[in-house]
PDB file of N, CA and C in Angstrom:
ATOM      1  N   MET A   1     -45.529 -31.322 -82.662  1.00  0.00           N
ATOM      2  CA  MET A   1     -46.260 -30.627 -83.692  1.00  0.00           C
ATOM      3  C   MET A   1     -45.274 -29.790 -84.500  1.00  0.00           C
ATOM      4  N   LYS A   2     -45.458 -29.762 -85.805  1.00  0.00           N
ATOM      5  CA  LYS A   2     -44.573 -28.991 -86.675  1.00  0.00           C
ATOM      6  C   LYS A   2     -44.815 -27.501 -86.450  1.00  0.00           C
ATOM      7  N   PRO A   3     -43.763 -26.687 -86.614  1.00  0.00           N
ATOM      8  CA  PRO A   3     -43.893 -25.244 -86.366  1.00  0.00           C
ATOM      9  C   PRO A   3     -45.015 -24.590 -87.175  1.00  0.00           C
ATOM     10  N   PHE A   4     -45.153 -24.969 -88.450  1.00  0.00           N
ATOM     11  CA  PHE A   4     -46.194 -24.363 -89.282  1.00  0.00           C
ATOM     12  C   PHE A   4     -47.583 -24.715 -88.746  1.00  0.00           C
ATOM     13  N   ALA A   5     -47.786 -25.967 -88.385  1.00  0.00           N
ATOM     14  CA  ALA A   5     -49.082 -26.398 -87.851  1.00  0.00           C
ATOM     15  C   ALA A   5     -49.365 -25.693 -86.523  1.00  0.00           C
ATOM     16  N   HIS A   6     -48.341 -25.537 -85.709  1.00  0.00           N
ATOM     17  CA  HIS A   6     -48.500 -24.863 -84.431  1.00  0.00           C
ATOM     18  C   HIS A   6     -48.914 -23.404 -84.642  1.00  0.00           C
ATOM     19  N   ARG A   7     -48.267 -22.708 -85.572  1.00  0.00           N
ATOM     20  CA  ARG A   7     -48.609 -21.309 -85.857  1.00  0.00           C
ATOM     21  C   ARG A   7     -50.016 -21.193 -86.436  1.00  0.00           C
ATOM     22  N   THR A   8     -50.378 -22.124 -87.292  1.00  0.00           N
ATOM     23  CA  THR A   8     -51.718 -22.111 -87.878  1.00  0.00           C
ATOM     24  C   THR A   8     -52.774 -22.317 -86.807  1.00  0.00           C
ATOM     25  N   LEU A   9     -52.543 -23.232 -85.901  1.00  0.00           N
ATOM     26  CA  LEU A   9     -53.477 -23.482 -84.803  1.00  0.00           C
ATOM     27  C   LEU A   9     -53.594 -22.244 -83.914  1.00  0.00           C
ATOM     28  N   LEU A  10     -52.472 -21.644 -83.579  1.00  0.00           N
ATOM     29  CA  LEU A  10     -52.469 -20.449 -82.741  1.00  0.00           C
ATOM     30  C   LEU A  10     -53.220 -19.305 -83.433  1.00  0.00           C
ATOM     31  N   ALA A  11     -52.970 -19.107 -84.709  1.00  0.00           N
ATOM     32  CA  ALA A  11     -53.656 -18.051 -85.458  1.00  0.00           C
ATOM     33  C   ALA A  11     -55.158 -18.316 -85.505  1.00  0.00           C
ATOM     34  N   SER A  12     -55.554 -19.558 -85.656  1.00  0.00           N
ATOM     35  CA  SER A  12     -56.976 -19.910 -85.685  1.00  0.00           C
ATOM     36  C   SER A  12     -57.651 -19.617 -84.358  1.00  0.00           C
ATOM     37  N   VAL A  13     -56.991 -19.936 -83.267  1.00  0.00           N
ATOM     38  CA  VAL A  13     -57.548 -19.678 -81.941  1.00  0.00           C
ATOM     39  C   VAL A  13     -57.698 -18.175 -81.716  1.00  0.00           C
ATOM     40  N   LEU A  14     -56.699 -17.405 -82.091  1.00  0.00           N
ATOM     41  CA  LEU A  14     -56.766 -15.948 -81.934  1.00  0.00           C
ATOM     42  C   LEU A  14     -57.875 -15.350 -82.803  1.00  0.00           C
ATOM     43  N   LEU A  15     -58.006 -15.832 -84.018  1.00  0.00           N
ATOM     44  CA  LEU A  15     -59.056 -15.360 -84.914  1.00  0.00           C
ATOM     45  C   LEU A  15     -60.435 -15.672 -84.352  1.00  0.00           C
ATOM     46  N   LEU A  16     -60.591 -16.849 -83.789  1.00  0.00           N
ATOM     47  CA  LEU A  16     -61.863 -17.236 -83.184  1.00  0.00           C
ATOM     48  C   LEU A  16     -62.205 -16.321 -82.009  1.00  0.00           C
ATOM     49  N   GLN A  17     -61.227 -15.979 -81.199  1.00  0.00           N
ATOM     50  CA  GLN A  17     -61.457 -15.078 -80.070  1.00  0.00           C
ATOM     51  C   GLN A  17     -61.866 -13.691 -80.554  1.00  0.00           C
ATOM     52  N   LEU A  18     -61.223 -13.188 -81.579  1.00  0.00           N
ATOM     53  CA  LEU A  18     -61.572 -11.877 -82.125  1.00  0.00           C
ATOM     54  C   LEU A  18     -62.976 -11.892 -82.729  1.00  0.00           C
ATOM     55  N   LEU A  19     -63.313 -12.951 -83.426  1.00  0.00           N
ATOM     56  CA  LEU A  19     -64.634 -13.082 -84.032  1.00  0.00           C
ATOM     57  C   LEU A  19     -65.716 -13.148 -82.957  1.00  0.00           C
ATOM     58  N   THR A  20     -65.472 -13.896 -81.903  1.00  0.00           N
ATOM     59  CA  THR A  20     -66.427 -14.009 -80.803  1.00  0.00           C
ATOM     60  C   THR A  20     -66.656 -12.650 -80.161  1.00  0.00           C
ATOM     61  N   ALA A  21     -65.609 -11.898 -79.937  1.00  0.00           N
ATOM     62  CA  ALA A  21     -65.731 -10.563 -79.338  1.00  0.00           C
ATOM     63  C   ALA A  21     -66.488  -9.621 -80.268  1.00  0.00           C
ATOM     64  N   ALA A  22     -66.232  -9.702 -81.556  1.00  0.00           N
ATOM     65  CA  ALA A  22     -66.920  -8.839 -82.519  1.00  0.00           C
ATOM     66  C   ALA A  22     -68.409  -9.155 -82.568  1.00  0.00           C
ATOM     67  N   LEU A  23     -68.754 -10.420 -82.555  1.00  0.00           N
ATOM     68  CA  LEU A  23     -70.163 -10.809 -82.596  1.00  0.00           C
ATOM     69  C   LEU A  23     -70.882 -10.405 -81.315  1.00  0.00           C
ATOM     70  N   ALA A  24     -70.215 -10.476 -80.201  1.00  0.00           N
ATOM     71  CA  ALA A  24     -70.825 -10.092 -78.924  1.00  0.00           C
ATOM     72  C   ALA A  24     -71.119  -8.597 -78.896  1.00  0.00           C
ATOM     73  N   ALA A  25     -70.345  -7.811 -79.599  1.00  0.00           N
ATOM     74  CA  ALA A  25     -70.534  -6.365 -79.612  1.00  0.00           C
ATOM     75  C   ALA A  25     -71.570  -5.923 -80.640  1.00  0.00           C
ATOM     76  N   ALA A  26     -71.953  -6.815 -81.542  1.00  0.00           N
ATOM     77  CA  ALA A  26     -72.926  -6.471 -82.581  1.00  0.00           C
ATOM     78  C   ALA A  26     -74.284  -6.196 -81.953  1.00  0.00           C
ATOM     79  N   PRO A  27     -75.115  -5.383 -82.632  1.00  0.00           N
ATOM     80  CA  PRO A  27     -76.435  -5.101 -82.067  1.00  0.00           C
ATOM     81  C   PRO A  27     -77.303  -6.348 -82.008  1.00  0.00           C
ATOM     82  N   TRP A  28     -78.166  -6.385 -81.004  1.00  0.00           N
ATOM     83  CA  TRP A  28     -79.083  -7.506 -80.866  1.00  0.00           C
ATOM     84  C   TRP A  28     -80.030  -7.484 -82.050  1.00  0.00           C
ATOM     85  N   HIS A  29     -80.389  -8.637 -82.550  1.00  0.00           N
ATOM     86  CA  HIS A  29     -81.379  -8.710 -83.622  1.00  0.00           C
ATOM     87  C   HIS A  29     -82.342  -9.855 -83.358  1.00  0.00           C
ATOM     88  N   ALA A  30     -83.562  -9.619 -83.741  1.00  0.00           N
ATOM     89  CA  ALA A  30     -84.588 -10.648 -83.586  1.00  0.00           C
ATOM     90  C   ALA A  30     -84.363 -11.724 -84.644  1.00  0.00           C
ATOM     91  N   ALA A  31     -84.518 -12.961 -84.235  1.00  0.00           N
ATOM     92  CA  ALA A  31     -84.362 -14.084 -85.152  1.00  0.00           C
ATOM     93  C   ALA A  31     -85.179 -15.260 -84.635  1.00  0.00           C
ATOM     94  N   ARG A  32     -85.350 -16.248 -85.477  1.00  0.00           N
ATOM     95  CA  ARG A  32     -86.146 -17.432 -85.134  1.00  0.00           C
ATOM     96  C   ARG A  32     -85.702 -18.052 -83.813  1.00  0.00           C
ATOM     97  N   GLN A  33     -84.399 -18.121 -83.573  1.00  0.00           N
ATOM     98  CA  GLN A  33     -83.897 -18.809 -82.388  1.00  0.00           C
ATOM     99  C   GLN A  33     -83.991 -17.989 -81.107  1.00  0.00           C
ATOM    100  N   ASN A  34     -84.288 -16.687 -81.203  1.00  0.00           N
ATOM    101  CA  ASN A  34     -84.341 -15.889 -79.980  1.00  0.00           C
ATOM    102  C   ASN A  34     -85.613 -15.058 -79.821  1.00  0.00           C
ATOM    103  N   THR A  35     -86.621 -15.328 -80.657  1.00  0.00           N
ATOM    104  CA  THR A  35     -87.854 -14.552 -80.594  1.00  0.00           C
ATOM    105  C   THR A  35     -89.052 -15.475 -80.456  1.00  0.00           C
ATOM    106  N   SER A  36     -89.718 -15.358 -79.335  1.00  0.00           N
ATOM    107  CA  SER A  36     -90.890 -16.172 -79.067  1.00  0.00           C
ATOM    108  C   SER A  36     -91.978 -15.858 -80.092  1.00  0.00           C
ATOM    109  N   GLY A  37     -92.499 -16.877 -80.755  1.00  0.00           N
ATOM    110  CA  GLY A  37     -93.576 -16.703 -81.716  1.00  0.00           C
ATOM    111  C   GLY A  37     -93.147 -16.251 -83.093  1.00  0.00           C
ATOM    112  N   TRP A  38     -91.875 -16.323 -83.384  1.00  0.00           N
ATOM    113  CA  TRP A  38     -91.342 -15.887 -84.682  1.00  0.00           C
ATOM    114  C   TRP A  38     -92.156 -16.452 -85.836  1.00  0.00           C
ATOM    115  N   GLN A  39     -92.505 -17.728 -85.753  1.00  0.00           N
ATOM    116  CA  GLN A  39     -93.214 -18.379 -86.850  1.00  0.00           C
ATOM    117  C   GLN A  39     -94.641 -17.878 -87.016  1.00  0.00           C
ATOM    118  N   PHE A  40     -95.173 -17.153 -86.028  1.00  0.00           N
ATOM    119  CA  PHE A  40     -96.527 -16.623 -86.099  1.00  0.00           C
ATOM    120  C   PHE A  40     -96.553 -15.137 -86.447  1.00  0.00           C
ATOM    121  N   MET A  41     -95.395 -14.584 -86.786  1.00  0.00           N
ATOM    122  CA  MET A  41     -95.282 -13.166 -87.115  1.00  0.00           C
ATOM    123  C   MET A  41     -95.090 -12.995 -88.620  1.00  0.00           C
ATOM    124  N   THR A  42     -95.636 -11.901 -89.152  1.00  0.00           N
ATOM    125  CA  THR A  42     -95.392 -11.564 -90.550  1.00  0.00           C
ATOM    126  C   THR A  42     -93.998 -10.944 -90.656  1.00  0.00           C
ATOM    127  N   PRO A  43     -93.439 -10.889 -91.854  1.00  0.00           N
ATOM    128  CA  PRO A  43     -92.134 -10.234 -91.992  1.00  0.00           C
ATOM    129  C   PRO A  43     -92.143  -8.781 -91.480  1.00  0.00           C
ATOM    130  N   ASP A  44     -93.217  -8.053 -91.739  1.00  0.00           N
ATOM    131  CA  ASP A  44     -93.289  -6.675 -91.238  1.00  0.00           C
ATOM    132  C   ASP A  44     -93.342  -6.639 -89.714  1.00  0.00           C
ATOM    133  N   GLU A  45     -94.056  -7.566 -89.106  1.00  0.00           N
ATOM    134  CA  GLU A  45     -94.110  -7.632 -87.646  1.00  0.00           C
ATOM    135  C   GLU A  45     -92.741  -7.956 -87.062  1.00  0.00           C
ATOM    136  N   ARG A  46     -91.989  -8.785 -87.733  1.00  0.00           N
ATOM    137  CA  ARG A  46     -90.646  -9.128 -87.252  1.00  0.00           C
ATOM    138  C   ARG A  46     -89.737  -7.903 -87.254  1.00  0.00           C
ATOM    139  N   VAL A  47     -89.812  -7.117 -88.330  1.00  0.00           N
ATOM    140  CA  VAL A  47     -89.006  -5.894 -88.419  1.00  0.00           C
ATOM    141  C   VAL A  47     -89.426  -4.917 -87.323  1.00  0.00           C
ATOM    142  N   GLU A  48     -90.734  -4.749 -87.134  1.00  0.00           N
ATOM    143  CA  GLU A  48     -91.235  -3.836 -86.105  1.00  0.00           C
ATOM    144  C   GLU A  48     -90.845  -4.315 -84.708  1.00  0.00           C
ATOM    145  N   HIS A  49     -90.909  -5.621 -84.484  1.00  0.00           N
ATOM    146  CA  HIS A  49     -90.514  -6.179 -83.187  1.00  0.00           C
ATOM    147  C   HIS A  49     -89.051  -5.848 -82.894  1.00  0.00           C
ATOM    148  N   GLN A  50     -88.214  -6.036 -83.882  1.00  0.00           N
ATOM    149  CA  GLN A  50     -86.790  -5.736 -83.693  1.00  0.00           C
ATOM    150  C   GLN A  50     -86.594  -4.247 -83.435  1.00  0.00           C
ATOM    151  N   ARG A  51     -87.303  -3.388 -84.186  1.00  0.00           N
ATOM    152  CA  ARG A  51     -87.188  -1.951 -83.983  1.00  0.00           C
ATOM    153  C   ARG A  51     -87.613  -1.568 -82.564  1.00  0.00           C
ATOM    154  N   LEU A  52     -88.726  -2.132 -82.116  1.00  0.00           N
ATOM    155  CA  LEU A  52     -89.206  -1.840 -80.767  1.00  0.00           C
ATOM    156  C   LEU A  52     -88.212  -2.302 -79.702  1.00  0.00           C
ATOM    157  N   MET A  53     -87.711  -3.510 -79.857  1.00  0.00           N
ATOM    158  CA  MET A  53     -86.771  -4.037 -78.863  1.00  0.00           C
ATOM    159  C   MET A  53     -85.535  -3.151 -78.746  1.00  0.00           C
ATOM    160  N   ARG A  54     -85.094  -2.602 -79.855  1.00  0.00           N
ATOM    161  CA  ARG A  54     -83.914  -1.731 -79.833  1.00  0.00           C
ATOM    162  C   ARG A  54     -84.234  -0.328 -79.322  1.00  0.00           C
ATOM    163  N   SER A  55     -85.522   0.031 -79.281  1.00  0.00           N
ATOM    164  CA  SER A  55     -85.890   1.396 -78.906  1.00  0.00           C
ATOM    165  C   SER A  55     -86.000   1.609 -77.399  1.00  0.00           C
ATOM    166  N   PHE A  56     -86.116   0.559 -76.627  1.00  0.00           N
ATOM    167  CA  PHE A  56     -86.316   0.705 -75.186  1.00  0.00           C
ATOM    168  C   PHE A  56     -85.055   1.222 -74.510  1.00  0.00           C
ATOM    169  N   THR A  57     -85.287   2.030 -73.472  1.00  0.00           N
ATOM    170  CA  THR A  57     -84.148   2.543 -72.708  1.00  0.00           C
ATOM    171  C   THR A  57     -84.094   1.939 -71.306  1.00  0.00           C
ATOM    172  N   THR A  58     -85.217   1.378 -70.841  1.00  0.00           N
ATOM    173  CA  THR A  58     -85.206   0.766 -69.514  1.00  0.00           C
ATOM    174  C   THR A  58     -85.604  -0.703 -69.603  1.00  0.00           C
ATOM    175  N   TYR A  59     -85.093  -1.450 -68.674  1.00  0.00           N
ATOM    176  CA  TYR A  59     -85.396  -2.882 -68.586  1.00  0.00           C
ATOM    177  C   TYR A  59     -86.892  -3.091 -68.344  1.00  0.00           C
ATOM    178  N   GLN A  60     -87.508  -2.238 -67.545  1.00  0.00           N
ATOM    179  CA  GLN A  60     -88.932  -2.374 -67.239  1.00  0.00           C
ATOM    180  C   GLN A  60     -89.785  -2.201 -68.492  1.00  0.00           C
ATOM    181  N   GLU A  61     -89.463  -1.208 -69.324  1.00  0.00           N
ATOM    182  CA  GLU A  61     -90.191  -1.011 -70.590  1.00  0.00           C
ATOM    183  C   GLU A  61     -90.067  -2.257 -71.465  1.00  0.00           C
ATOM    184  N   CYS A  62     -88.870  -2.736 -71.567  1.00  0.00           N
ATOM    185  CA  CYS A  62     -88.593  -3.899 -72.399  1.00  0.00           C
ATOM    186  C   CYS A  62     -89.369  -5.120 -71.916  1.00  0.00           C
ATOM    187  N   LYS A  63     -89.307  -5.387 -70.618  1.00  0.00           N
ATOM    188  CA  LYS A  63     -89.998  -6.557 -70.058  1.00  0.00           C
ATOM    189  C   LYS A  63     -91.518  -6.438 -70.211  1.00  0.00           C
ATOM    190  N   ALA A  64     -92.070  -5.222 -70.058  1.00  0.00           N
ATOM    191  CA  ALA A  64     -93.515  -5.032 -70.227  1.00  0.00           C
ATOM    192  C   ALA A  64     -93.927  -5.352 -71.659  1.00  0.00           C
ATOM    193  N   TYR A  65     -93.150  -4.857 -72.632  1.00  0.00           N
ATOM    194  CA  TYR A  65     -93.436  -5.164 -74.034  1.00  0.00           C
ATOM    195  C   TYR A  65     -93.275  -6.656 -74.284  1.00  0.00           C
ATOM    196  N   GLN A  66     -92.221  -7.231 -73.755  1.00  0.00           N
ATOM    197  CA  GLN A  66     -91.951  -8.645 -73.984  1.00  0.00           C
ATOM    198  C   GLN A  66     -93.086  -9.517 -73.437  1.00  0.00           C
ATOM    199  N   LYS A  67     -93.604  -9.169 -72.280  1.00  0.00           N
ATOM    200  CA  LYS A  67     -94.708  -9.923 -71.699  1.00  0.00           C
ATOM    201  C   LYS A  67     -95.941  -9.840 -72.603  1.00  0.00           C
ATOM    202  N   LYS A  68     -96.247  -8.625 -73.084  1.00  0.00           N
ATOM    203  CA  LYS A  68     -97.379  -8.428 -73.992  1.00  0.00           C
ATOM    204  C   LYS A  68     -97.178  -9.235 -75.280  1.00  0.00           C
ATOM    205  N   HIS A  69     -95.976  -9.166 -75.824  1.00  0.00           N
ATOM    206  CA  HIS A  69     -95.652  -9.894 -77.058  1.00  0.00           C
ATOM    207  C   HIS A  69     -95.821 -11.404 -76.859  1.00  0.00           C
ATOM    208  N   HIS A  70     -95.303 -11.934 -75.769  1.00  0.00           N
ATOM    209  CA  HIS A  70     -95.404 -13.374 -75.504  1.00  0.00           C
ATOM    210  C   HIS A  70     -96.858 -13.802 -75.353  1.00  0.00           C
ATOM    211  N   THR A  71     -97.670 -12.964 -74.702  1.00  0.00           N
ATOM    212  CA  THR A  71     -99.092 -13.274 -74.549  1.00  0.00           C
ATOM    213  C   THR A  71     -99.767 -13.339 -75.916  1.00  0.00           C
ATOM    214  N   GLU A  72     -99.483 -12.361 -76.761  1.00  0.00           N
ATOM    215  CA  GLU A  72    -100.071 -12.327 -78.099  1.00  0.00           C
ATOM    216  C   GLU A  72     -99.618 -13.520 -78.941  1.00  0.00           C
ATOM    217  N   MET A  73     -98.345 -13.847 -78.875  1.00  0.00           N
ATOM    218  CA  MET A  73     -97.838 -14.968 -79.666  1.00  0.00           C
ATOM    219  C   MET A  73     -98.408 -16.303 -79.153  1.00  0.00           C
ATOM    220  N   SER A  74     -98.578 -16.412 -77.852  1.00  0.00           N
ATOM    221  CA  SER A  74     -99.179 -17.630 -77.287  1.00  0.00           C
ATOM    222  C   SER A  74    -100.609 -17.791 -77.784  1.00  0.00           C
ATOM    223  N   GLU A  75    -101.339 -16.687 -77.875  1.00  0.00           N
ATOM    224  CA  GLU A  75    -102.712 -16.731 -78.381  1.00  0.00           C
ATOM    225  C   GLU A  75    -102.734 -17.123 -79.856  1.00  0.00           C
ATOM    226  N   ARG A  76    -101.830 -16.583 -80.635  1.00  0.00           N
ATOM    227  CA  ARG A  76    -101.754 -16.969 -82.057  1.00  0.00           C
ATOM    228  C   ARG A  76    -101.417 -18.448 -82.192  1.00  0.00           C
ATOM    229  N   ALA A  77    -100.521 -18.908 -81.364  1.00  0.00           N
ATOM    230  CA  ALA A  77    -100.144 -20.331 -81.398  1.00  0.00           C
ATOM    231  C   ALA A  77    -101.353 -21.191 -81.041  1.00  0.00           C
ATOM    232  N   ARG A  78    -102.073 -20.800 -80.007  1.00  0.00           N
ATOM    233  CA  ARG A  78    -103.247 -21.559 -79.576  1.00  0.00           C
ATOM    234  C   ARG A  78    -104.272 -21.643 -80.709  1.00  0.00           C
ATOM    235  N   ARG A  79    -104.520 -20.520 -81.387  1.00  0.00           N
ATOM    236  CA  ARG A  79    -105.476 -20.507 -82.502  1.00  0.00           C
ATOM    237  C   ARG A  79    -105.014 -21.395 -83.652  1.00  0.00           C
ATOM    238  N   ALA A  80    -103.702 -21.541 -83.792  1.00  0.00           N
ATOM    239  CA  ALA A  80    -103.150 -22.388 -84.847  1.00  0.00           C
ATOM    240  C   ALA A  80    -103.044 -23.848 -84.414  1.00  0.00           C
ATOM    241  N   GLY A  81    -103.472 -24.134 -83.173  1.00  0.00           N
ATOM    242  CA  GLY A  81    -103.407 -25.501 -82.675  1.00  0.00           C
ATOM    243  C   GLY A  81    -102.017 -25.917 -82.219  1.00  0.00           C
ATOM    244  N   ALA A  82    -101.210 -24.944 -81.868  1.00  0.00           N
ATOM    245  CA  ALA A  82     -99.836 -25.222 -81.429  1.00  0.00           C
ATOM    246  C   ALA A  82     -99.650 -24.725 -79.996  1.00  0.00           C
ATOM    247  N   ILE A  83     -98.588 -25.163 -79.400  1.00  0.00           N
ATOM    248  CA  ILE A  83     -98.209 -24.692 -78.069  1.00  0.00           C
ATOM    249  C   ILE A  83     -96.878 -23.971 -78.213  1.00  0.00           C
ATOM    250  N   LEU A  84     -96.845 -22.742 -77.743  1.00  0.00           N
ATOM    251  CA  LEU A  84     -95.628 -21.949 -77.832  1.00  0.00           C
ATOM    252  C   LEU A  84     -94.754 -22.247 -76.628  1.00  0.00           C
ATOM    253  N   GLU A  85     -93.596 -22.786 -76.875  1.00  0.00           N
ATOM    254  CA  GLU A  85     -92.674 -23.097 -75.780  1.00  0.00           C
ATOM    255  C   GLU A  85     -92.033 -21.810 -75.258  1.00  0.00           C
ATOM    256  N   ALA A  86     -91.734 -21.802 -74.003  1.00  0.00           N
ATOM    257  CA  ALA A  86     -91.081 -20.647 -73.394  1.00  0.00           C
ATOM    258  C   ALA A  86     -89.694 -20.449 -73.994  1.00  0.00           C
ATOM    259  N   SER A  87     -89.329 -19.190 -74.186  1.00  0.00           N
ATOM    260  CA  SER A  87     -88.004 -18.878 -74.722  1.00  0.00           C
ATOM    261  C   SER A  87     -86.935 -19.260 -73.711  1.00  0.00           C
ATOM    262  N   LYS A  88     -85.795 -19.697 -74.227  1.00  0.00           N
ATOM    263  CA  LYS A  88     -84.684 -20.068 -73.359  1.00  0.00           C
ATOM    264  C   LYS A  88     -83.880 -18.846 -72.945  1.00  0.00           C
ATOM    265  N   GLU A  89     -84.011 -17.777 -73.725  1.00  0.00           N
ATOM    266  CA  GLU A  89     -83.262 -16.569 -73.419  1.00  0.00           C
ATOM    267  C   GLU A  89     -84.187 -15.365 -73.551  1.00  0.00           C
ATOM    268  N   SER A  90     -83.821 -14.283 -72.925  1.00  0.00           N
ATOM    269  CA  SER A  90     -84.612 -13.061 -72.970  1.00  0.00           C
ATOM    270  C   SER A  90     -83.832 -11.976 -73.686  1.00  0.00           C
ATOM    271  N   GLY A  91     -84.449 -11.410 -74.719  1.00  0.00           N
ATOM    272  CA  GLY A  91     -83.811 -10.301 -75.419  1.00  0.00           C
ATOM    273  C   GLY A  91     -83.550  -9.138 -74.486  1.00  0.00           C
ATOM    274  N   CYS A  92     -84.475  -8.907 -73.555  1.00  0.00           N
ATOM    275  CA  CYS A  92     -84.303  -7.815 -72.581  1.00  0.00           C
ATOM    276  C   CYS A  92     -83.081  -8.075 -71.702  1.00  0.00           C
ATOM    277  N   ASP A  93     -82.908  -9.319 -71.272  1.00  0.00           N
ATOM    278  CA  ASP A  93     -81.736  -9.654 -70.445  1.00  0.00           C
ATOM    279  C   ASP A  93     -80.449  -9.462 -71.235  1.00  0.00           C
ATOM    280  N   LYS A  94     -80.472  -9.842 -72.505  1.00  0.00           N
ATOM    281  CA  LYS A  94     -79.275  -9.678 -73.331  1.00  0.00           C
ATOM    282  C   LYS A  94     -78.963  -8.199 -73.542  1.00  0.00           C
ATOM    283  N   LEU A  95     -80.001  -7.397 -73.803  1.00  0.00           N
ATOM    284  CA  LEU A  95     -79.786  -5.965 -73.987  1.00  0.00           C
ATOM    285  C   LEU A  95     -79.254  -5.311 -72.710  1.00  0.00           C
ATOM    286  N   ARG A  96     -79.779  -5.730 -71.565  1.00  0.00           N
ATOM    287  CA  ARG A  96     -79.306  -5.180 -70.292  1.00  0.00           C
ATOM    288  C   ARG A  96     -77.859  -5.582 -70.043  1.00  0.00           C
ATOM    289  N   ALA A  97     -77.523  -6.833 -70.337  1.00  0.00           N
ATOM    290  CA  ALA A  97     -76.147  -7.301 -70.141  1.00  0.00           C
ATOM    291  C   ALA A  97     -75.161  -6.534 -71.008  1.00  0.00           C
ATOM    292  N   ARG A  98     -75.614  -6.057 -72.158  1.00  0.00           N
ATOM    293  CA  ARG A  98     -74.755  -5.277 -73.055  1.00  0.00           C
ATOM    294  C   ARG A  98     -74.734  -3.798 -72.699  1.00  0.00           C
ATOM    295  N   GLY A  99     -75.473  -3.428 -71.650  1.00  0.00           N
ATOM    296  CA  GLY A  99     -75.490  -2.041 -71.225  1.00  0.00           C
ATOM    297  C   GLY A  99     -76.428  -1.156 -72.023  1.00  0.00           C
ATOM    298  N   ARG A 100     -77.335  -1.747 -72.795  1.00  0.00           N
ATOM    299  CA  ARG A 100     -78.271  -0.980 -73.612  1.00  0.00           C
ATOM    300  C   ARG A 100     -79.516  -0.558 -72.845  1.00  0.00           C
ATOM    301  N   LEU A 101     -79.783  -1.172 -71.699  1.00  0.00           N
ATOM    302  CA  LEU A 101     -80.967  -0.859 -70.893  1.00  0.00           C
ATOM    303  C   LEU A 101     -80.548  -0.463 -69.488  1.00  0.00           C
ATOM    304  N   GLU A 102     -81.260   0.493 -68.903  1.00  0.00           N
ATOM    305  CA  GLU A 102     -80.999   0.903 -67.522  1.00  0.00           C
ATOM    306  C   GLU A 102     -81.626  -0.088 -66.569  1.00  0.00           C
TER     307      GLU A 102
END
């Protein structure tokens, strides 16, 4: 490999590592891919959901809200003739892993 190509590859790998670390440190945010029932929420409900998720201090509070939210979204899905699939990840688990929840 030519020296310039080698340096460019090395710089790209280092940049990717720094970017990954920066994104991991960013605050959690609600989005279509990580929020159960996103498509059944109004824009204002989405903002409020994100605010609530960030406001919890304990894992138990977060999980209690999350359970209530999932139940409500499942009911909205049922009324719309859809089935709400279970989330693959838990916002509460992610917040706890980042040290945001006790």
